[in-house]
Amino acid sequence: MAKSTRSSRLPDLRIVNSLINLLNLPKKSIIADIGAGTGGYSRAIAERGYSVYAVEPSSVMRSQSVEHAQVKYFAGYAEDIPLANAS
């Protein structure tokens, strides 16, 4: 994704920490972020040592994301996630 000159909301680190604690997955696990928007939470989770599949239907939101080596973006909807079954 192209870097945007626009600023976006910063993720709430309390939420990021809570998600990581609740998921209780080993580092380097792949986490799907469904409805990822511009990827703020995806990047914050990736910065904690995880890989993230960011699924977002809006091309506008995806175009405003900032690249991160551990975040891969997919166009898709929650009703039809573009990932393999049982992944």
Protein backbone atom coordinates (compact mmCIF):
# COMPACT_ATOMS: atom_id res chain seq x y z
CA MET A 1 0.00 0.00 0.00
CA ALA A 2 1.13 3.53 -0.64
CA LYS A 3 2.06 5.73 2.25
CA SER A 4 -0.50 8.39 2.88
CA THR A 5 0.22 11.96 3.81
CA ARG A 6 -2.99 11.93 5.84
CA SER A 7 -2.88 11.15 9.49
CA SER A 8 -5.17 8.57 10.95
CA ARG A 9 -6.32 7.68 14.42
CA LEU A 10 -3.69 6.08 16.56
CA PRO A 11 -4.59 2.68 17.97
CA ASP A 12 -5.37 2.52 21.66
CA LEU A 13 -2.48 0.51 23.09
CA ARG A 14 -4.68 -0.76 25.93
CA ILE A 15 -6.89 -2.42 23.32
CA VAL A 16 -3.86 -3.81 21.47
CA ASN A 17 -2.49 -5.28 24.70
CA SER A 18 -5.87 -6.72 25.66
CA LEU A 19 -6.27 -8.37 22.24
CA ILE A 20 -2.82 -9.92 22.43
CA ASN A 21 -3.44 -11.15 25.97
CA LEU A 22 -6.85 -12.62 25.09
CA LEU A 23 -5.59 -14.34 21.95
CA ASN A 24 -2.68 -15.82 23.91
CA LEU A 25 -0.80 -16.83 20.74
CA PRO A 26 2.95 -17.35 20.37
CA LYS A 27 4.96 -14.60 18.68
CA LYS A 28 5.12 -14.90 14.88
CA SER A 29 1.56 -16.27 14.75
CA ILE A 30 -0.64 -14.92 11.96
CA ILE A 31 -3.61 -12.89 13.13
CA ALA A 32 -6.45 -11.83 10.82
CA ASP A 33 -7.75 -8.30 11.32
CA ILE A 34 -11.20 -8.28 9.71
CA GLY A 35 -12.39 -4.78 8.85
CA ALA A 36 -8.85 -3.45 9.21
CA GLY A 37 -9.56 0.03 7.89
CA THR A 38 -6.28 1.87 7.35
CA GLY A 39 -4.43 -0.78 9.36
CA GLY A 40 -3.58 1.10 12.54
CA TYR A 41 -4.35 -1.87 14.79
CA SER A 42 -2.81 -4.28 12.29
CA ARG A 43 0.50 -2.39 12.43
CA ALA A 44 0.38 -2.09 16.24
CA ILE A 45 -0.11 -5.86 16.56
CA ALA A 46 2.63 -6.52 13.98
CA GLU A 47 5.01 -4.34 15.97
CA ARG A 48 4.50 -6.75 18.89
CA GLY A 49 5.97 -9.62 16.85
CA TYR A 50 2.99 -11.03 14.96
CA SER A 51 2.14 -11.27 11.28
CA VAL A 52 -1.22 -9.76 10.36
CA TYR A 53 -3.57 -10.41 7.47
CA ALA A 54 -5.54 -7.17 7.23
CA VAL A 55 -8.88 -7.71 5.46
CA GLU A 56 -10.67 -4.53 4.36
CA PRO A 57 -13.35 -4.10 1.68
CA SER A 58 -12.76 -0.39 1.06
CA SER A 59 -10.10 0.41 -1.54
CA VAL A 60 -10.04 3.95 -0.15
CA MET A 61 -9.14 2.72 3.33
CA ARG A 62 -6.53 0.30 1.97
CA SER A 63 -4.99 3.09 -0.12
CA GLN A 64 -4.56 5.19 3.04
CA SER A 65 -2.68 2.45 4.90
CA VAL A 66 1.00 2.64 5.75
CA GLU A 67 3.10 -0.35 4.70
CA HIS A 68 4.54 -2.66 7.32
CA ALA A 69 6.66 -5.73 6.56
CA GLN A 70 4.50 -7.96 8.78
CA VAL A 71 1.10 -6.77 7.47
CA LYS A 72 -0.43 -8.13 4.28
CA TYR A 73 -3.62 -6.48 2.99
CA PHE A 74 -6.52 -8.33 1.39
CA ALA A 75 -9.66 -6.94 -0.23
CA GLY A 76 -12.60 -8.72 1.32
CA TYR A 77 -15.66 -8.75 3.55
CA ALA A 78 -16.29 -10.50 6.85
CA GLU A 79 -18.99 -12.57 5.12
CA ASP A 80 -16.49 -13.83 2.54
CA ILE A 81 -13.00 -13.70 4.03
CA PRO A 82 -10.36 -14.19 1.30
CA LEU A 83 -8.36 -16.69 3.36
CA ALA A 84 -8.30 -20.48 3.34
CA ASN A 85 -10.96 -22.28 5.37
CA ALA A 86 -9.91 -23.12 8.94
CA SER A 87 -6.98 -20.72 8.76
